[in-house]
Amino acid sequence: MSVIREQDAVAHQLHGATFSSFVAPSSGSSELCAWRLEVAPATTGVPHRVNREEVLLVLTGELTATVDGVGTVVRSGDVVFVPAGASFALDNTSGAAATAWVTTTVGLEALLADGSSISPPWVR
């Protein structure tokens, strides 16, 4: 059994959020990626289209998840499922940080509205 300690997670900053990578190919995984996402207060997410399914479990706070144009407020304990090919954005309009645990499969890429794509380091 492999254990990744919180202090060993690799943190990445992007678009007002912190992605703390726990499981990825860079840490020995061949199939799964998992990270803790922290979204700063008053953050508007960047809409993007994902090529892999994602699952987000809200740990703390309140977020607005928009999947294929439908926005829903999610709170601690709620899960957001983002289908492969869906457009997705995550906003934090509250005055407090919010966190979520995110899982996906290796190879996740995000296509932005301007046509550029991101292969995030926390999934490589």
N, C-alpha and C. Protein backbone atom coordinates (compact mmCIF):
# COMPACT_ATOMS: atom_id res chain seq x y z
N MET A 1 0.85 -1.18 0.00
CA MET A 1 0.00 0.00 0.00
C MET A 1 0.89 1.24 0.00
N SER A 2 0.58 2.18 -0.87
CA SER A 2 1.31 3.44 -0.93
C SER A 2 0.55 4.50 -0.16
N VAL A 3 1.27 5.27 0.59
CA VAL A 3 0.69 6.38 1.35
C VAL A 3 1.38 7.66 0.93
N ILE A 4 0.60 8.66 0.57
CA ILE A 4 1.14 9.97 0.23
C ILE A 4 0.72 10.91 1.34
N ARG A 5 1.69 11.44 2.03
CA ARG A 5 1.43 12.36 3.13
C ARG A 5 1.07 13.74 2.58
N GLU A 6 0.25 14.45 3.32
CA GLU A 6 -0.17 15.78 2.89
C GLU A 6 1.03 16.68 2.57
N GLN A 7 2.05 16.61 3.39
CA GLN A 7 3.22 17.48 3.17
C GLN A 7 4.00 17.08 1.91
N ASP A 8 3.72 15.89 1.36
CA ASP A 8 4.41 15.44 0.15
C ASP A 8 3.63 15.75 -1.13
N ALA A 9 2.42 16.23 -1.00
CA ALA A 9 1.63 16.61 -2.18
C ALA A 9 2.33 17.77 -2.88
N VAL A 10 2.26 17.75 -4.21
CA VAL A 10 2.90 18.80 -5.00
C VAL A 10 1.84 19.83 -5.38
N ALA A 11 2.05 21.07 -4.96
CA ALA A 11 1.06 22.14 -5.18
C ALA A 11 1.36 22.89 -6.48
N HIS A 12 0.28 23.16 -7.21
CA HIS A 12 0.35 23.94 -8.45
C HIS A 12 -0.70 25.04 -8.36
N GLN A 13 -0.39 26.23 -8.87
CA GLN A 13 -1.32 27.36 -8.87
C GLN A 13 -1.78 27.63 -10.30
N LEU A 14 -3.09 27.80 -10.47
CA LEU A 14 -3.61 28.13 -11.79
C LEU A 14 -5.00 28.76 -11.63
N HIS A 15 -5.21 29.90 -12.27
CA HIS A 15 -6.51 30.57 -12.33
C HIS A 15 -7.16 30.78 -10.96
N GLY A 16 -6.38 31.20 -9.96
CA GLY A 16 -6.93 31.49 -8.64
C GLY A 16 -7.18 30.27 -7.78
N ALA A 17 -6.66 29.12 -8.19
CA ALA A 17 -6.88 27.89 -7.43
C ALA A 17 -5.54 27.20 -7.18
N THR A 18 -5.52 26.36 -6.14
CA THR A 18 -4.35 25.55 -5.83
C THR A 18 -4.73 24.09 -6.02
N PHE A 19 -3.94 23.39 -6.81
CA PHE A 19 -4.13 21.98 -7.10
C PHE A 19 -3.01 21.23 -6.40
N SER A 20 -3.33 20.49 -5.34
CA SER A 20 -2.33 19.73 -4.59
C SER A 20 -2.41 18.27 -5.04
N SER A 21 -1.42 17.88 -5.85
CA SER A 21 -1.42 16.56 -6.47
C SER A 21 -0.93 15.49 -5.51
N PHE A 22 -1.76 14.46 -5.34
CA PHE A 22 -1.42 13.32 -4.50
C PHE A 22 -1.12 12.08 -5.34
N VAL A 23 -1.88 11.85 -6.41
CA VAL A 23 -1.71 10.67 -7.25
C VAL A 23 -1.66 11.11 -8.71
N ALA A 24 -0.60 10.70 -9.40
CA ALA A 24 -0.40 11.03 -10.81
C ALA A 24 0.70 10.12 -11.35
N PRO A 25 0.88 10.07 -12.66
CA PRO A 25 1.98 9.28 -13.20
C PRO A 25 3.34 9.67 -12.59
N SER A 26 3.50 10.95 -12.30
CA SER A 26 4.78 11.40 -11.72
C SER A 26 5.01 10.83 -10.32
N SER A 27 3.93 10.34 -9.68
CA SER A 27 4.09 9.74 -8.36
C SER A 27 3.87 8.22 -8.40
N GLY A 28 3.83 7.65 -9.61
CA GLY A 28 3.78 6.20 -9.74
C GLY A 28 2.48 5.61 -10.24
N SER A 29 1.44 6.40 -10.45
CA SER A 29 0.17 5.87 -10.91
C SER A 29 0.20 5.65 -12.42
N SER A 30 -0.43 4.60 -12.86
CA SER A 30 -0.52 4.36 -14.31
C SER A 30 -1.93 4.63 -14.85
N GLU A 31 -2.92 4.75 -13.98
CA GLU A 31 -4.29 4.92 -14.44
C GLU A 31 -5.04 6.11 -13.85
N LEU A 32 -4.77 6.41 -12.57
CA LEU A 32 -5.58 7.42 -11.87
C LEU A 32 -4.79 8.67 -11.51
N CYS A 33 -5.53 9.76 -11.39
CA CYS A 33 -4.99 11.01 -10.87
C CYS A 33 -5.96 11.51 -9.80
N ALA A 34 -5.41 12.06 -8.72
CA ALA A 34 -6.24 12.59 -7.65
C ALA A 34 -5.55 13.78 -7.02
N TRP A 35 -6.31 14.81 -6.73
CA TRP A 35 -5.74 16.00 -6.12
C TRP A 35 -6.78 16.70 -5.26
N ARG A 36 -6.27 17.52 -4.35
CA ARG A 36 -7.14 18.40 -3.56
C ARG A 36 -7.12 19.76 -4.23
N LEU A 37 -8.29 20.28 -4.48
CA LEU A 37 -8.44 21.58 -5.13
C LEU A 37 -8.88 22.58 -4.09
N GLU A 38 -8.20 23.71 -4.02
CA GLU A 38 -8.63 24.81 -3.16
C GLU A 38 -8.91 26.01 -4.04
N VAL A 39 -10.15 26.51 -3.95
CA VAL A 39 -10.58 27.65 -4.75
C VAL A 39 -10.71 28.85 -3.83
N ALA A 40 -9.96 29.88 -4.14
CA ALA A 40 -9.96 31.10 -3.32
C ALA A 40 -11.32 31.78 -3.39
N PRO A 41 -11.64 32.57 -2.35
CA PRO A 41 -12.90 33.32 -2.36
C PRO A 41 -12.97 34.25 -3.57
N ALA A 42 -14.18 34.51 -4.03
CA ALA A 42 -14.42 35.45 -5.13
C ALA A 42 -13.64 35.08 -6.40
N THR A 43 -13.59 33.79 -6.71
CA THR A 43 -12.88 33.31 -7.90
C THR A 43 -13.88 32.86 -8.96
N THR A 44 -13.73 33.40 -10.15
CA THR A 44 -14.53 32.95 -11.28
C THR A 44 -13.71 31.95 -12.06
N GLY A 45 -14.24 30.75 -12.20
CA GLY A 45 -13.52 29.69 -12.89
C GLY A 45 -13.41 29.94 -14.39
N VAL A 46 -12.44 29.29 -15.00
CA VAL A 46 -12.23 29.40 -16.44
C VAL A 46 -12.97 28.23 -17.11
N PRO A 47 -13.96 28.53 -17.94
CA PRO A 47 -14.67 27.44 -18.62
C PRO A 47 -13.71 26.65 -19.51
N HIS A 48 -13.86 25.34 -19.49
CA HIS A 48 -13.02 24.47 -20.31
C HIS A 48 -13.78 23.19 -20.60
N ARG A 49 -13.33 22.49 -21.62
CA ARG A 49 -13.94 21.21 -22.00
C ARG A 49 -12.92 20.12 -21.69
N VAL A 50 -13.35 19.08 -20.98
CA VAL A 50 -12.43 18.01 -20.56
C VAL A 50 -12.57 16.79 -21.46
N ASN A 51 -11.46 16.08 -21.66
CA ASN A 51 -11.49 14.88 -22.51
C ASN A 51 -11.61 13.59 -21.71
N ARG A 52 -11.65 13.69 -20.39
CA ARG A 52 -11.80 12.53 -19.50
C ARG A 52 -12.88 12.87 -18.47
N GLU A 53 -13.51 11.84 -17.92
CA GLU A 53 -14.45 12.06 -16.83
C GLU A 53 -13.69 12.57 -15.60
N GLU A 54 -14.38 13.43 -14.84
CA GLU A 54 -13.86 13.92 -13.57
C GLU A 54 -14.94 13.78 -12.52
N VAL A 55 -14.52 13.53 -11.29
CA VAL A 55 -15.44 13.49 -10.15
C VAL A 55 -14.88 14.42 -9.09
N LEU A 56 -15.71 15.33 -8.60
CA LEU A 56 -15.31 16.27 -7.56
C LEU A 56 -16.19 16.06 -6.34
N LEU A 57 -15.58 15.83 -5.19
CA LEU A 57 -16.28 15.73 -3.91
C LEU A 57 -15.96 17.00 -3.15
N VAL A 58 -16.98 17.81 -2.88
CA VAL A 58 -16.76 19.06 -2.14
C VAL A 58 -16.48 18.71 -0.69
N LEU A 59 -15.33 19.18 -0.20
CA LEU A 59 -14.93 18.92 1.18
C LEU A 59 -15.36 20.04 2.12
N THR A 60 -15.11 21.28 1.69
CA THR A 60 -15.46 22.44 2.52
C THR A 60 -15.97 23.56 1.63
N GLY A 61 -16.80 24.41 2.21
CA GLY A 61 -17.26 25.60 1.51
C GLY A 61 -18.38 25.35 0.53
N GLU A 62 -18.52 26.30 -0.37
CA GLU A 62 -19.61 26.31 -1.35
C GLU A 62 -19.06 26.75 -2.70
N LEU A 63 -19.42 26.03 -3.74
CA LEU A 63 -18.96 26.33 -5.09
C LEU A 63 -20.15 26.30 -6.04
N THR A 64 -20.00 26.95 -7.18
CA THR A 64 -20.98 26.81 -8.25
C THR A 64 -20.32 26.04 -9.37
N ALA A 65 -20.85 24.85 -9.64
CA ALA A 65 -20.33 24.01 -10.71
C ALA A 65 -21.24 24.18 -11.92
N THR A 66 -20.64 24.52 -13.06
CA THR A 66 -21.40 24.66 -14.30
C THR A 66 -20.93 23.59 -15.27
N VAL A 67 -21.83 22.67 -15.58
CA VAL A 67 -21.54 21.57 -16.50
C VAL A 67 -22.48 21.72 -17.69
N ASP A 68 -21.89 21.88 -18.88
CA ASP A 68 -22.66 22.06 -20.11
C ASP A 68 -23.72 23.15 -19.97
N GLY A 69 -23.33 24.28 -19.36
CA GLY A 69 -24.19 25.45 -19.26
C GLY A 69 -25.17 25.46 -18.11
N VAL A 70 -25.21 24.40 -17.32
CA VAL A 70 -26.15 24.34 -16.19
C VAL A 70 -25.37 24.52 -14.89
N GLY A 71 -25.62 25.64 -14.19
CA GLY A 71 -24.93 25.94 -12.94
C GLY A 71 -25.71 25.43 -11.74
N THR A 72 -24.97 24.82 -10.80
CA THR A 72 -25.58 24.29 -9.59
C THR A 72 -24.68 24.60 -8.40
N VAL A 73 -25.26 25.10 -7.32
CA VAL A 73 -24.49 25.34 -6.10
C VAL A 73 -24.27 24.00 -5.42
N VAL A 74 -23.01 23.72 -5.07
CA VAL A 74 -22.66 22.48 -4.37
C VAL A 74 -21.94 22.84 -3.08
N ARG A 75 -22.20 22.01 -2.06
CA ARG A 75 -21.65 22.25 -0.73
C ARG A 75 -20.97 20.98 -0.22
N SER A 76 -20.35 21.10 0.93
CA SER A 76 -19.65 19.99 1.56
C SER A 76 -20.48 18.71 1.50
N GLY A 77 -19.88 17.64 0.99
CA GLY A 77 -20.55 16.36 0.87
C GLY A 77 -21.17 16.11 -0.49
N ASP A 78 -21.36 17.16 -1.29
CA ASP A 78 -21.92 16.99 -2.63
C ASP A 78 -20.84 16.54 -3.61
N VAL A 79 -21.27 15.81 -4.64
CA VAL A 79 -20.36 15.32 -5.67
C VAL A 79 -20.80 15.88 -7.02
N VAL A 80 -19.82 16.31 -7.81
CA VAL A 80 -20.06 16.78 -9.17
C VAL A 80 -19.42 15.77 -10.11
N PHE A 81 -20.20 15.26 -11.05
CA PHE A 81 -19.68 14.38 -12.09
C PHE A 81 -19.59 15.18 -13.38
N VAL A 82 -18.40 15.22 -13.97
CA VAL A 82 -18.19 15.93 -15.23
C VAL A 82 -17.92 14.87 -16.31
N PRO A 83 -18.85 14.68 -17.24
CA PRO A 83 -18.64 13.68 -18.29
C PRO A 83 -17.51 14.10 -19.25
N ALA A 84 -16.86 13.12 -19.84
CA ALA A 84 -15.87 13.42 -20.86
C ALA A 84 -16.54 14.19 -21.99
N GLY A 85 -15.89 15.25 -22.46
CA GLY A 85 -16.43 16.08 -23.52
C GLY A 85 -17.29 17.22 -23.05
N ALA A 86 -17.59 17.27 -21.75
CA ALA A 86 -18.45 18.32 -21.21
C ALA A 86 -17.68 19.62 -21.02
N SER A 87 -18.42 20.72 -21.13
CA SER A 87 -17.89 22.02 -20.76
C SER A 87 -18.07 22.18 -19.26
N PHE A 88 -17.04 22.73 -18.59
CA PHE A 88 -17.06 22.77 -17.13
C PHE A 88 -16.41 24.04 -16.62
N ALA A 89 -16.98 24.61 -15.56
CA ALA A 89 -16.38 25.74 -14.85
C ALA A 89 -16.77 25.62 -13.38
N LEU A 90 -15.90 26.12 -12.52
CA LEU A 90 -16.13 26.05 -11.08
C LEU A 90 -15.87 27.42 -10.50
N ASP A 91 -16.88 28.03 -9.89
CA ASP A 91 -16.77 29.37 -9.32
C ASP A 91 -16.91 29.30 -7.81
N ASN A 92 -16.22 30.21 -7.14
CA ASN A 92 -16.41 30.39 -5.70
C ASN A 92 -16.81 31.84 -5.49
N THR A 93 -18.10 32.08 -5.34
CA THR A 93 -18.59 33.45 -5.16
C THR A 93 -18.71 33.83 -3.70
N SER A 94 -18.32 32.91 -2.82
CA SER A 94 -18.43 33.18 -1.38
C SER A 94 -17.21 33.96 -0.89
N GLY A 95 -17.25 34.30 0.38
CA GLY A 95 -16.15 35.03 1.00
C GLY A 95 -15.13 34.13 1.68
N ALA A 96 -15.26 32.80 1.50
CA ALA A 96 -14.34 31.85 2.12
C ALA A 96 -13.82 30.87 1.09
N ALA A 97 -12.63 30.35 1.32
CA ALA A 97 -12.07 29.34 0.43
C ALA A 97 -12.94 28.09 0.46
N ALA A 98 -12.92 27.34 -0.62
CA ALA A 98 -13.63 26.07 -0.71
C ALA A 98 -12.65 25.02 -1.20
N THR A 99 -12.85 23.77 -0.76
CA THR A 99 -11.96 22.69 -1.20
C THR A 99 -12.77 21.52 -1.75
N ALA A 100 -12.14 20.78 -2.64
CA ALA A 100 -12.76 19.59 -3.21
C ALA A 100 -11.67 18.56 -3.47
N TRP A 101 -12.06 17.29 -3.44
CA TRP A 101 -11.18 16.18 -3.82
C TRP A 101 -11.58 15.81 -5.24
N VAL A 102 -10.61 15.75 -6.15
CA VAL A 102 -10.90 15.51 -7.55
C VAL A 102 -10.19 14.24 -8.02
N THR A 103 -10.89 13.42 -8.78
CA THR A 103 -10.27 12.24 -9.38
C THR A 103 -10.61 12.19 -10.86
N THR A 104 -9.68 11.62 -11.61
CA THR A 104 -9.85 11.44 -13.05
C THR A 104 -8.88 10.35 -13.48
N THR A 105 -8.78 10.15 -14.77
CA THR A 105 -7.82 9.19 -15.29
C THR A 105 -6.66 9.91 -15.97
N VAL A 106 -5.56 9.20 -16.07
CA VAL A 106 -4.36 9.74 -16.73
C VAL A 106 -4.72 10.18 -18.14
N GLY A 107 -4.17 11.31 -18.54
CA GLY A 107 -4.39 11.82 -19.89
C GLY A 107 -5.39 12.94 -19.99
N LEU A 108 -5.88 13.42 -18.84
CA LEU A 108 -6.83 14.53 -18.86
C LEU A 108 -6.22 15.74 -19.55
N GLU A 109 -6.98 16.32 -20.45
CA GLU A 109 -6.62 17.60 -21.06
C GLU A 109 -7.84 18.50 -21.02
N ALA A 110 -7.59 19.79 -20.97
CA ALA A 110 -8.66 20.78 -20.95
C ALA A 110 -8.53 21.69 -22.16
N LEU A 111 -9.61 21.85 -22.89
CA LEU A 111 -9.64 22.73 -24.04
C LEU A 111 -10.33 24.02 -23.61
N LEU A 112 -9.62 25.14 -23.74
CA LEU A 112 -10.16 26.44 -23.34
C LEU A 112 -10.97 27.07 -24.47
N ALA A 113 -11.76 28.06 -24.14
CA ALA A 113 -12.64 28.71 -25.11
C ALA A 113 -11.87 29.33 -26.28
N ASP A 114 -10.62 29.75 -26.04
CA ASP A 114 -9.83 30.37 -27.10
C ASP A 114 -9.18 29.33 -28.02
N GLY A 115 -9.45 28.04 -27.77
CA GLY A 115 -8.89 26.98 -28.61
C GLY A 115 -7.59 26.40 -28.10
N SER A 116 -7.00 27.02 -27.08
CA SER A 116 -5.76 26.47 -26.51
C SER A 116 -6.11 25.30 -25.59
N SER A 117 -5.12 24.45 -25.36
CA SER A 117 -5.37 23.32 -24.47
C SER A 117 -4.33 23.28 -23.36
N ILE A 118 -4.72 22.67 -22.26
CA ILE A 118 -3.84 22.54 -21.09
C ILE A 118 -3.76 21.06 -20.75
N SER A 119 -2.54 20.58 -20.58
CA SER A 119 -2.29 19.26 -20.02
C SER A 119 -1.67 19.53 -18.65
N PRO A 120 -2.48 19.61 -17.61
CA PRO A 120 -1.99 20.07 -16.31
C PRO A 120 -0.90 19.16 -15.73
N PRO A 121 0.06 19.75 -15.06
CA PRO A 121 1.14 18.95 -14.47
C PRO A 121 0.65 17.99 -13.40
N TRP A 122 -0.50 18.25 -12.78
CA TRP A 122 -0.99 17.37 -11.72
C TRP A 122 -1.66 16.11 -12.28
N VAL A 123 -1.71 15.96 -13.61
CA VAL A 123 -2.21 14.72 -14.21
C VAL A 123 -1.14 14.04 -15.06
N ARG A 124 0.09 14.51 -14.95
CA ARG A 124 1.20 13.91 -15.71
C ARG A 124 2.16 13.22 -14.78
